N, C-alpha and C. Protein backbone atom coordinates (compact mmCIF):
# COMPACT_ATOMS: atom_id res chain seq x y z
N MET A 1 1.56 -18.64 -23.91
CA MET A 1 2.27 -18.89 -22.62
C MET A 1 1.01 -19.27 -21.63
N ARG A 2 1.39 -20.61 -20.89
CA ARG A 2 0.30 -20.82 -19.94
C ARG A 2 0.71 -20.13 -18.71
N ILE A 3 -0.59 -19.62 -18.00
CA ILE A 3 -0.37 -19.12 -16.89
C ILE A 3 -0.09 -20.03 -15.45
N TYR A 4 -0.29 -21.79 -15.83
CA TYR A 4 -0.50 -22.07 -14.33
C TYR A 4 1.36 -22.81 -14.93
N THR A 5 2.19 -23.30 -13.93
CA THR A 5 3.42 -23.78 -14.05
C THR A 5 3.42 -25.29 -13.51
N LYS A 6 2.80 -25.24 -12.12
CA LYS A 6 2.60 -26.55 -11.56
C LYS A 6 3.81 -26.35 -10.53
N THR A 7 4.88 -25.59 -10.91
CA THR A 7 6.11 -25.53 -10.23
C THR A 7 5.68 -25.41 -8.60
N GLY A 8 4.96 -24.60 -8.13
CA GLY A 8 4.53 -24.30 -6.48
C GLY A 8 3.49 -25.11 -6.15
N ASP A 9 3.31 -26.39 -6.88
CA ASP A 9 2.34 -27.53 -6.01
C ASP A 9 3.06 -28.17 -5.02
N ASP A 10 4.32 -27.67 -4.95
CA ASP A 10 5.34 -28.55 -3.68
C ASP A 10 4.99 -27.48 -2.54
N GLY A 11 4.94 -26.51 -2.41
CA GLY A 11 4.33 -25.61 -1.56
C GLY A 11 5.61 -24.45 -1.65
N THR A 12 6.23 -24.21 -2.41
CA THR A 12 7.37 -23.37 -2.68
C THR A 12 7.11 -22.44 -4.02
N THR A 13 7.90 -21.23 -3.87
CA THR A 13 7.69 -20.24 -5.12
C THR A 13 9.14 -19.98 -5.41
N GLY A 14 9.04 -19.39 -6.67
CA GLY A 14 9.78 -18.75 -7.12
C GLY A 14 10.10 -17.25 -6.85
N MET A 15 12.01 -16.88 -6.56
CA MET A 15 11.99 -15.05 -6.07
C MET A 15 12.85 -14.96 -6.96
N PHE A 16 12.84 -13.87 -7.51
CA PHE A 16 13.74 -13.08 -8.41
C PHE A 16 15.29 -13.45 -7.63
N GLY A 17 16.22 -13.80 -8.21
CA GLY A 17 17.46 -13.89 -7.57
C GLY A 17 17.43 -14.71 -6.22
N ALA A 18 16.66 -15.43 -5.91
CA ALA A 18 16.84 -16.33 -4.81
C ALA A 18 16.32 -17.93 -4.85
N GLY A 19 16.25 -18.16 -6.07
CA GLY A 19 15.65 -19.90 -6.32
C GLY A 19 14.47 -19.97 -5.78
N ARG A 20 14.21 -20.76 -5.34
CA ARG A 20 12.77 -21.26 -4.76
C ARG A 20 12.79 -21.46 -3.29
N ILE A 21 11.78 -20.77 -2.65
CA ILE A 21 11.55 -20.99 -1.02
C ILE A 21 9.89 -21.40 -0.87
N PRO A 22 9.68 -21.42 0.39
CA PRO A 22 8.66 -21.72 1.14
C PRO A 22 7.61 -20.60 0.94
N LYS A 23 6.13 -20.85 0.47
CA LYS A 23 5.60 -20.03 0.32
C LYS A 23 4.90 -19.41 1.91
N HIS A 24 5.49 -19.97 2.71
CA HIS A 24 5.36 -19.20 4.40
C HIS A 24 6.70 -18.44 4.72
N HIS A 25 7.46 -18.34 4.23
CA HIS A 25 8.62 -17.59 4.20
C HIS A 25 8.04 -16.17 4.09
N PRO A 26 8.78 -14.95 5.30
CA PRO A 26 8.25 -14.14 5.33
C PRO A 26 8.61 -13.07 4.22
N ARG A 27 9.22 -13.44 3.07
CA ARG A 27 9.54 -12.25 2.26
C ARG A 27 8.09 -12.85 1.38
N VAL A 28 7.64 -13.78 1.27
CA VAL A 28 6.51 -14.19 0.58
C VAL A 28 5.25 -13.44 1.38
N ALA A 29 5.22 -13.66 2.40
CA ALA A 29 4.20 -12.79 3.06
C ALA A 29 4.29 -11.49 2.98
N ALA A 30 5.16 -10.84 3.13
CA ALA A 30 5.20 -9.77 2.90
C ALA A 30 4.76 -8.88 1.51
N ASN A 31 5.28 -9.71 0.31
CA ASN A 31 5.05 -9.23 -1.16
C ASN A 31 3.49 -9.69 -1.34
N GLY A 32 3.10 -10.80 -0.70
CA GLY A 32 1.40 -11.12 -0.60
C GLY A 32 0.57 -9.89 -0.39
N ASP A 33 1.19 -9.44 1.15
CA ASP A 33 0.55 -8.41 1.67
C ASP A 33 0.67 -6.96 0.38
N VAL A 34 1.81 -6.65 -0.18
CA VAL A 34 1.82 -5.43 -0.51
C VAL A 34 1.01 -5.64 -2.12
N ASP A 35 0.99 -6.94 -2.76
CA ASP A 35 0.19 -7.36 -3.80
C ASP A 35 -1.26 -7.09 -3.43
N GLU A 36 -1.99 -7.48 -2.53
CA GLU A 36 -3.45 -7.37 -2.27
C GLU A 36 -3.31 -5.96 -1.92
N LEU A 37 -2.46 -5.04 -1.74
CA LEU A 37 -2.66 -3.54 -1.29
C LEU A 37 -2.95 -3.15 -2.66
N ASN A 38 -1.69 -3.65 -3.83
CA ASN A 38 -2.25 -3.13 -5.22
C ASN A 38 -3.40 -3.14 -5.74
N ALA A 39 -3.86 -4.62 -5.36
CA ALA A 39 -5.05 -4.96 -6.08
C ALA A 39 -6.29 -4.02 -5.49
N TRP A 40 -6.14 -3.39 -4.06
CA TRP A 40 -7.32 -2.57 -3.30
C TRP A 40 -7.26 -1.62 -4.01
N LEU A 41 -5.66 -0.97 -4.11
CA LEU A 41 -5.76 0.28 -4.67
C LEU A 41 -6.20 0.48 -6.23
N GLY A 42 -6.37 -0.57 -7.25
CA GLY A 42 -6.59 -0.94 -8.34
C GLY A 42 -8.33 -0.78 -8.24
N LEU A 43 -8.96 -1.35 -6.97
CA LEU A 43 -10.10 -1.24 -7.03
C LEU A 43 -10.92 0.30 -6.55
N CYS A 44 -9.77 0.78 -5.69
CA CYS A 44 -10.44 2.15 -5.22
C CYS A 44 -10.21 3.22 -6.81
N ARG A 45 -8.95 2.98 -7.20
CA ARG A 45 -8.75 3.70 -8.35
C ARG A 45 -10.21 3.48 -9.26
N ALA A 46 -10.46 2.51 -9.60
CA ALA A 46 -11.90 2.34 -10.52
C ALA A 46 -13.03 2.83 -9.82
N ARG A 47 -13.21 2.98 -8.43
CA ARG A 47 -14.10 3.64 -8.37
C ARG A 47 -14.27 5.13 -8.14
N VAL A 48 -13.03 5.52 -7.95
CA VAL A 48 -13.18 6.87 -7.92
C VAL A 48 -13.01 7.77 -9.28
N GLN A 49 -12.48 7.11 -10.51
CA GLN A 49 -12.29 7.62 -11.56
C GLN A 49 -13.55 8.38 -12.25
N ASN A 50 -14.34 7.95 -11.86
CA ASN A 50 -15.89 8.61 -12.32
C ASN A 50 -16.96 9.52 -11.53
N SER A 51 -15.93 10.02 -10.26
CA SER A 51 -16.70 10.08 -9.07
C SER A 51 -16.26 11.97 -9.02
N ALA A 52 -16.63 12.28 -7.90
CA ALA A 52 -16.30 13.52 -7.62
C ALA A 52 -14.69 13.60 -7.12
N ALA A 53 -14.44 12.49 -6.71
CA ALA A 53 -12.99 12.18 -6.16
C ALA A 53 -11.71 11.70 -7.31
N ALA A 54 -12.32 11.92 -8.43
CA ALA A 54 -11.47 11.43 -9.65
C ALA A 54 -10.12 12.03 -9.71
N PRO A 55 -9.69 13.11 -9.33
CA PRO A 55 -8.28 13.51 -9.04
C PRO A 55 -7.31 12.48 -8.71
N LEU A 56 -7.99 11.74 -7.63
CA LEU A 56 -7.13 10.47 -6.56
C LEU A 56 -6.87 9.62 -7.61
N ALA A 57 -7.36 9.68 -8.57
CA ALA A 57 -7.27 8.31 -9.60
C ALA A 57 -5.57 8.31 -10.29
N ALA A 58 -5.15 9.64 -10.60
CA ALA A 58 -4.01 9.74 -10.98
C ALA A 58 -3.04 9.45 -10.23
N LEU A 59 -3.06 9.88 -8.70
CA LEU A 59 -2.50 9.68 -7.49
C LEU A 59 -2.27 7.94 -7.49
N LEU A 60 -3.24 7.45 -7.41
CA LEU A 60 -3.11 5.93 -7.19
C LEU A 60 -2.51 5.05 -8.06
N ALA A 61 -2.88 5.66 -9.40
CA ALA A 61 -2.05 4.88 -10.68
C ALA A 61 -0.35 5.18 -10.25
N ARG A 62 -0.33 6.18 -9.92
CA ARG A 62 1.31 6.14 -9.39
C ARG A 62 1.96 5.36 -8.41
N ILE A 63 1.14 5.52 -7.30
CA ILE A 63 1.19 4.47 -6.37
C ILE A 63 1.40 2.93 -6.76
N GLN A 64 0.29 2.68 -7.41
CA GLN A 64 0.53 1.00 -8.12
C GLN A 64 1.55 0.81 -8.66
N ASN A 65 2.25 1.60 -9.43
CA ASN A 65 3.24 1.15 -10.25
C ASN A 65 4.66 1.45 -9.24
N THR A 66 4.62 2.40 -8.07
CA THR A 66 5.57 2.05 -7.03
C THR A 66 5.68 1.03 -6.13
N LEU A 67 4.29 0.80 -6.26
CA LEU A 67 4.19 -0.77 -5.44
C LEU A 67 4.72 -1.87 -6.13
N PHE A 68 5.26 -2.10 -7.33
CA PHE A 68 5.63 -3.19 -7.87
C PHE A 68 7.26 -2.96 -7.58
N SER A 69 7.63 -1.77 -7.61
CA SER A 69 9.09 -1.99 -7.38
C SER A 69 9.39 -2.23 -5.76
N VAL A 70 8.48 -1.72 -4.56
CA VAL A 70 8.28 -2.29 -3.32
C VAL A 70 8.48 -3.79 -3.61
N GLY A 71 7.55 -4.41 -4.11
CA GLY A 71 7.16 -6.16 -4.24
C GLY A 71 8.78 -6.44 -4.88
N ALA A 72 9.49 -5.69 -5.72
CA ALA A 72 10.85 -6.33 -6.61
C ALA A 72 11.60 -6.27 -5.16
N GLN A 73 11.79 -5.06 -4.48
CA GLN A 73 12.84 -4.96 -3.68
C GLN A 73 12.49 -6.24 -2.26
N ILE A 74 11.40 -6.26 -1.85
CA ILE A 74 10.89 -7.36 -1.08
C ILE A 74 11.66 -8.94 -1.34
N THR A 75 11.04 -9.59 -2.73
CA THR A 75 11.38 -10.51 -2.92
C THR A 75 12.52 -10.84 -3.69
N THR A 76 13.43 -9.63 -4.16
CA THR A 76 14.87 -10.25 -4.34
C THR A 76 15.86 -9.99 -3.45
N PRO A 77 16.72 -10.83 -3.06
CA PRO A 77 17.53 -10.47 -2.06
C PRO A 77 18.57 -9.65 -2.48
N GLN A 78 19.18 -8.55 -1.39
CA GLN A 78 19.71 -7.85 -1.58
C GLN A 78 21.57 -8.43 -2.25
N GLN A 79 21.68 -9.31 -1.48
CA GLN A 79 22.92 -9.94 -1.83
C GLN A 79 23.28 -10.66 -3.35
N SER A 80 21.96 -10.83 -3.76
CA SER A 80 21.93 -11.35 -5.45
C SER A 80 22.14 -10.22 -6.41
N ALA A 81 22.84 -10.77 -7.57
CA ALA A 81 23.06 -9.85 -8.72
C ALA A 81 21.83 -9.29 -9.53
N ALA A 82 20.95 -9.99 -9.33
CA ALA A 82 19.93 -9.42 -9.84
C ALA A 82 19.15 -8.03 -8.91
N TYR A 83 19.48 -8.07 -7.80
CA TYR A 83 19.09 -6.85 -7.01
C TYR A 83 19.80 -5.49 -7.65
N ALA A 84 20.71 -5.35 -7.99
CA ALA A 84 21.24 -4.16 -8.87
C ALA A 84 20.29 -3.76 -10.02
N ASN A 85 19.75 -4.84 -10.79
CA ASN A 85 18.84 -4.57 -12.01
C ASN A 85 17.11 -4.15 -11.85
N ILE A 86 16.92 -4.01 -10.76
CA ILE A 86 15.29 -3.76 -9.95
C ILE A 86 15.30 -2.51 -9.88
N PRO A 87 14.30 -1.73 -10.18
CA PRO A 87 13.70 -0.74 -9.94
C PRO A 87 13.90 -0.31 -8.49
N LYS A 88 13.88 0.69 -7.77
CA LYS A 88 13.65 0.58 -6.03
C LYS A 88 13.06 2.10 -5.85
N VAL A 89 12.33 1.75 -4.66
CA VAL A 89 12.05 3.00 -3.84
C VAL A 89 12.99 4.18 -3.52
N VAL A 90 13.20 5.11 -3.97
CA VAL A 90 13.96 6.31 -2.83
C VAL A 90 13.38 7.13 -2.16
N ALA A 91 14.09 7.98 -1.63
CA ALA A 91 13.73 9.21 -0.68
C ALA A 91 12.96 9.87 -1.65
N ALA A 92 12.65 10.33 -2.68
CA ALA A 92 12.07 11.02 -3.53
C ALA A 92 10.38 10.54 -3.38
N ASP A 93 10.23 9.16 -3.79
CA ASP A 93 8.96 8.88 -3.43
C ASP A 93 8.12 8.97 -2.02
N ILE A 94 8.98 9.09 -1.08
CA ILE A 94 8.39 9.28 0.42
C ILE A 94 8.15 10.85 0.04
N THR A 95 8.91 11.57 -0.09
CA THR A 95 8.84 13.17 -0.33
C THR A 95 7.67 13.30 -1.44
N TRP A 96 7.48 12.66 -2.36
CA TRP A 96 6.29 12.93 -3.01
C TRP A 96 4.96 12.43 -2.47
N LEU A 97 5.24 11.42 -1.25
CA LEU A 97 3.76 11.06 -0.78
C LEU A 97 3.40 12.27 0.21
N GLU A 98 4.47 12.57 0.83
CA GLU A 98 4.42 13.64 2.08
C GLU A 98 3.48 15.10 1.24
N ALA A 99 4.16 15.09 -0.18
CA ALA A 99 3.50 16.33 -0.81
C ALA A 99 2.37 16.19 -0.83
N ALA A 100 1.72 14.99 -1.46
CA ALA A 100 0.51 14.38 -1.89
C ALA A 100 -0.52 14.86 -0.34
N ILE A 101 -0.21 14.19 0.40
CA ILE A 101 -0.83 14.65 1.63
C ILE A 101 -1.21 15.98 2.37
N ASP A 102 0.05 16.84 1.91
CA ASP A 102 -0.09 18.50 2.25
C ASP A 102 -1.07 18.64 1.25
N ARG A 103 -0.64 18.57 -0.15
CA ARG A 103 -1.95 19.21 -1.09
C ARG A 103 -3.12 18.85 -0.63
N LEU A 104 -3.74 17.52 -0.17
CA LEU A 104 -4.87 17.40 0.06
C LEU A 104 -5.50 17.79 1.37
N THR A 105 -4.54 17.96 2.21
CA THR A 105 -4.96 18.27 3.61
C THR A 105 -5.79 19.73 3.59
N VAL A 106 -5.04 20.80 2.69
CA VAL A 106 -5.44 21.99 2.44
C VAL A 106 -7.08 22.28 2.35
N ASP A 107 -7.35 21.09 1.81
CA ASP A 107 -8.94 21.10 1.47
C ASP A 107 -9.71 20.69 2.52
N LEU A 108 -9.30 20.06 3.70
CA LEU A 108 -9.59 19.57 4.59
C LEU A 108 -10.01 20.13 5.88
N PRO A 109 -11.26 20.07 6.77
CA PRO A 109 -11.27 20.42 7.96
C PRO A 109 -10.16 19.91 8.74
N GLU A 110 -10.00 20.81 9.85
CA GLU A 110 -8.72 20.38 10.85
C GLU A 110 -9.75 18.89 11.56
N LEU A 111 -8.73 17.76 12.07
CA LEU A 111 -9.39 17.02 13.13
C LEU A 111 -8.97 17.30 14.11
N THR A 112 -10.39 17.20 14.56
CA THR A 112 -10.24 17.32 16.17
C THR A 112 -10.62 16.27 16.78
N GLN A 113 -10.91 15.25 16.62
CA GLN A 113 -11.16 13.97 16.71
C GLN A 113 -11.21 13.04 16.22
N PHE A 114 -11.22 11.55 16.74
CA PHE A 114 -11.03 10.15 16.02
C PHE A 114 -12.35 10.13 15.31
N ILE A 115 -12.19 9.85 13.71
CA ILE A 115 -13.17 9.41 12.69
C ILE A 115 -13.49 7.96 12.55
N LEU A 116 -14.38 7.21 12.52
CA LEU A 116 -14.61 6.10 12.05
C LEU A 116 -14.27 5.59 10.84
N PRO A 117 -13.79 4.67 10.38
CA PRO A 117 -13.72 4.49 8.47
C PRO A 117 -15.13 4.22 8.28
N GLY A 118 -15.10 4.63 7.12
CA GLY A 118 -16.61 5.12 6.27
C GLY A 118 -16.67 6.22 5.66
N GLY A 119 -17.91 6.41 5.58
CA GLY A 119 -18.47 7.68 4.63
C GLY A 119 -18.88 6.97 3.31
N SER A 120 -18.13 7.78 2.42
CA SER A 120 -18.88 7.25 0.89
C SER A 120 -17.91 6.10 0.68
N LEU A 121 -18.84 5.65 -0.55
CA LEU A 121 -18.22 4.19 -1.01
C LEU A 121 -16.80 4.38 -1.26
N ALA A 122 -16.14 5.37 -1.98
CA ALA A 122 -14.76 5.61 -2.34
C ALA A 122 -13.88 5.92 -1.07
N ALA A 123 -14.41 6.24 0.14
CA ALA A 123 -13.76 6.66 1.16
C ALA A 123 -13.67 5.43 2.11
N SER A 124 -14.80 4.68 2.09
CA SER A 124 -14.52 3.32 2.81
C SER A 124 -13.65 2.25 2.14
N MET A 125 -13.64 2.24 0.64
CA MET A 125 -12.91 1.38 -0.02
C MET A 125 -11.26 1.85 0.22
N LEU A 126 -10.95 3.16 0.58
CA LEU A 126 -9.48 3.61 0.74
C LEU A 126 -9.17 3.60 2.36
N HIS A 127 -10.50 3.21 3.04
CA HIS A 127 -10.00 2.91 4.40
C HIS A 127 -9.56 1.74 4.40
N VAL A 128 -9.95 0.48 3.76
CA VAL A 128 -9.83 -0.89 3.59
C VAL A 128 -8.35 -1.09 2.95
N ALA A 129 -8.06 0.14 2.28
CA ALA A 129 -6.69 -0.04 1.74
C ALA A 129 -5.46 0.45 2.48
N ARG A 130 -6.17 1.48 3.46
CA ARG A 130 -5.34 1.87 4.48
C ARG A 130 -4.93 0.72 5.17
N THR A 131 -5.95 -0.14 5.58
CA THR A 131 -5.87 -1.29 6.86
C THR A 131 -4.80 -2.40 6.23
N VAL A 132 -4.94 -2.24 4.91
CA VAL A 132 -3.92 -3.48 4.06
C VAL A 132 -2.73 -3.00 4.33
N CYS A 133 -2.51 -1.84 3.81
CA CYS A 133 -1.43 -1.06 3.52
C CYS A 133 -0.52 -1.31 5.25
N ARG A 134 -1.13 -0.97 6.29
CA ARG A 134 -0.76 -1.42 7.87
C ARG A 134 -0.23 -3.09 7.58
N ARG A 135 -0.91 -3.60 7.12
CA ARG A 135 -0.49 -4.90 7.22
C ARG A 135 0.79 -5.27 6.72
N ALA A 136 0.86 -4.65 5.58
CA ALA A 136 1.91 -4.96 4.52
C ALA A 136 2.92 -4.32 5.31
N GLU A 137 2.74 -3.20 5.94
CA GLU A 137 3.71 -2.58 7.08
C GLU A 137 4.50 -3.50 7.87
N ARG A 138 3.66 -4.03 8.55
CA ARG A 138 4.06 -4.93 9.40
C ARG A 138 4.91 -6.35 9.08
N SER A 139 4.14 -6.92 7.95
CA SER A 139 4.88 -7.92 7.30
C SER A 139 6.18 -7.69 6.80
N VAL A 140 6.24 -6.28 6.63
CA VAL A 140 7.91 -6.29 6.11
C VAL A 140 8.74 -5.74 7.20
N ALA A 141 7.90 -5.41 8.43
CA ALA A 141 8.87 -5.10 9.50
C ALA A 141 9.12 -6.79 10.26
N ALA A 142 8.03 -7.57 10.33
CA ALA A 142 8.54 -8.96 10.87
C ALA A 142 9.40 -9.57 9.89
N ALA A 143 9.73 -9.16 8.40
CA ALA A 143 10.55 -10.02 7.82
C ALA A 143 12.11 -9.21 8.13
N ARG A 144 11.86 -8.08 8.52
CA ARG A 144 12.99 -7.29 8.73
C ARG A 144 13.89 -8.18 10.04
N ALA A 145 12.76 -8.43 11.01
CA ALA A 145 12.81 -8.75 12.19
C ALA A 145 13.53 -10.09 12.22
N ALA A 146 13.13 -10.88 11.42
CA ALA A 146 13.62 -12.26 11.11
C ALA A 146 14.99 -12.33 10.30
N ASP A 147 16.07 -10.88 10.28
CA ASP A 147 16.91 -10.72 9.82
C ASP A 147 17.13 -11.08 8.52
N ILE A 148 16.04 -10.57 7.38
CA ILE A 148 16.05 -10.50 6.18
C ILE A 148 16.07 -9.24 5.86
N PRO A 149 17.39 -8.69 5.17
CA PRO A 149 17.84 -7.37 4.90
C PRO A 149 16.57 -6.94 4.04
N LEU A 150 16.39 -5.77 4.29
CA LEU A 150 15.24 -5.05 3.29
C LEU A 150 15.85 -3.71 3.51
N ASP A 151 15.71 -3.11 2.67
CA ASP A 151 15.82 -1.17 2.50
C ASP A 151 14.77 -0.78 3.57
N PRO A 152 15.51 0.31 4.64
CA PRO A 152 14.49 0.74 5.30
C PRO A 152 13.61 1.71 4.53
N LEU A 153 13.85 1.97 3.38
CA LEU A 153 12.78 2.90 2.70
C LEU A 153 11.71 2.42 2.22
N VAL A 154 11.48 0.72 2.23
CA VAL A 154 10.37 0.33 2.05
C VAL A 154 9.43 0.62 3.02
N LEU A 155 9.96 0.19 3.81
CA LEU A 155 8.87 0.40 5.40
C LEU A 155 8.33 1.92 5.38
N GLN A 156 9.19 2.67 5.25
CA GLN A 156 9.25 4.31 5.28
C GLN A 156 8.13 4.58 4.29
N TYR A 157 7.96 4.07 3.20
CA TYR A 157 7.30 4.15 1.98
C TYR A 157 5.77 3.44 2.62
N LEU A 158 5.73 2.44 3.05
CA LEU A 158 4.58 1.87 3.59
C LEU A 158 3.70 2.88 4.70
N ASN A 159 4.90 3.06 5.28
CA ASN A 159 4.01 4.03 6.73
C ASN A 159 3.83 5.11 6.14
N ARG A 160 4.36 6.01 5.27
CA ARG A 160 3.86 7.03 4.72
C ARG A 160 2.75 7.17 3.67
N LEU A 161 2.42 5.77 3.02
CA LEU A 161 1.34 5.77 2.07
C LEU A 161 0.25 5.13 3.00
N SER A 162 -0.02 4.58 4.08
CA SER A 162 -0.81 4.58 4.91
C SER A 162 -1.44 5.72 5.56
N ASP A 163 -0.57 6.71 5.60
CA ASP A 163 -1.16 8.44 5.81
C ASP A 163 -1.95 8.80 4.72
N LEU A 164 -1.12 8.53 3.83
CA LEU A 164 -1.49 9.34 2.55
C LEU A 164 -2.83 8.54 2.30
N LEU A 165 -3.27 7.47 2.45
CA LEU A 165 -4.51 6.57 2.23
C LEU A 165 -5.71 7.16 3.21
N PHE A 166 -5.12 7.36 4.39
CA PHE A 166 -6.48 8.02 5.16
C PHE A 166 -6.81 9.52 4.78
N THR A 167 -5.71 10.35 4.47
CA THR A 167 -6.14 11.34 3.58
C THR A 167 -7.00 11.38 2.71
N MET A 168 -6.59 10.39 1.58
CA MET A 168 -7.35 10.54 0.33
C MET A 168 -8.74 9.94 1.01
N ALA A 169 -9.28 9.04 2.03
CA ALA A 169 -10.32 8.65 2.27
C ALA A 169 -10.96 10.15 2.82
N ARG A 170 -10.43 10.71 3.48
CA ARG A 170 -10.79 11.77 3.98
C ARG A 170 -11.31 12.94 2.94
N TRP A 171 -10.50 13.20 2.09
CA TRP A 171 -10.56 13.91 0.68
C TRP A 171 -11.77 13.60 -0.18
N ALA A 172 -12.00 12.22 -0.28
CA ALA A 172 -12.90 11.77 -1.33
C ALA A 172 -14.39 11.88 -0.38
N ASN A 173 -14.48 11.79 0.87
CA ASN A 173 -15.46 12.26 1.63
C ASN A 173 -15.97 13.63 1.52
N HIS A 174 -14.76 14.60 1.70
CA HIS A 174 -15.02 15.70 1.19
C HIS A 174 -15.74 16.29 0.08
N CYS A 175 -15.20 15.66 -0.92
CA CYS A 175 -15.22 15.81 -2.62
C CYS A 175 -16.96 15.31 -2.62
N GLU A 176 -17.01 14.30 -2.03
CA GLU A 176 -18.51 13.61 -2.60
C GLU A 176 -19.62 14.15 -1.16
N GLN A 177 -18.98 15.38 -0.72
CA GLN A 177 -20.24 16.11 0.29
C GLN A 177 -20.55 14.94 1.21
N THR A 178 -19.86 14.11 1.67
CA THR A 178 -20.65 13.00 2.94
C THR A 178 -19.47 13.14 4.08
N PRO A 179 -20.52 13.61 5.27
CA PRO A 179 -19.64 13.57 6.45
C PRO A 179 -19.07 12.65 6.96
N GLU A 180 -17.76 12.90 7.60
CA GLU A 180 -17.21 12.15 8.48
C GLU A 180 -17.82 11.24 9.62
N ILE A 181 -17.41 10.44 9.91
CA ILE A 181 -18.15 9.66 11.49
C ILE A 181 -17.68 9.79 12.54
N PRO A 182 -17.59 10.69 13.39
CA PRO A 182 -16.95 10.98 14.20
C PRO A 182 -17.05 9.80 15.56
N TRP A 183 -16.06 9.25 15.65
CA TRP A 183 -16.05 8.31 17.11
C TRP A 183 -16.95 8.87 18.19
N GLN A 184 -17.77 7.91 18.92
CA GLN A 184 -18.61 8.45 20.02
C GLN A 184 -18.03 7.39 21.10
N LYS A 185 -16.82 8.01 21.81
CA LYS A 185 -16.60 7.25 23.16
C LYS A 185 -17.62 6.81 23.84
N GLY A 186 -17.37 5.55 24.18
CA GLY A 186 -18.38 4.94 24.99
C GLY A 186 -19.66 4.55 24.68
N LYS A 187 -19.73 4.72 23.16
CA LYS A 187 -21.00 4.34 22.49
C LYS A 187 -20.99 3.10 21.54
N GLY A 188 -21.65 2.13 22.44
CA GLY A 188 -21.43 0.65 21.43
C GLY A 188 -22.34 0.06 20.66
């Protein structure tokens, strides 16, 4: 099978159950941001798997798989027959994210001030992934604002995931014994 089809040369892309739509469509933008997030998480996973923060690799693998379900929900119109057959994010996925946050937070010092993104390489990469997750969340919210029906659990999942990625970054710094960088108000 060839990887190139040439069908997108006209500025459209195929969507499962939706036919062809313009590449600038909010559905495509939201899915693209989720795809970029998934790629960043793959990079983060490759970075942590042989480090002191190696336990994060299993969490990231599960999240990457779930993000494929998120992408399917974004790209497949709810009114299409195909929507019934795609995997979907469920409330238990969000509960799992919250439980992961709680488990990791136990090892961390209490936050008493804002911190700058950074520290170890793994933590810095997780912070980048967190910002990409926030962009994906904004793209999904924009698609919903454009009257594209999307399951509210998709937005909730991305919101909670960005919280987990922040916690993972802090936890990576903790495991790698790299101090967090406090924001120094008024210093520029």
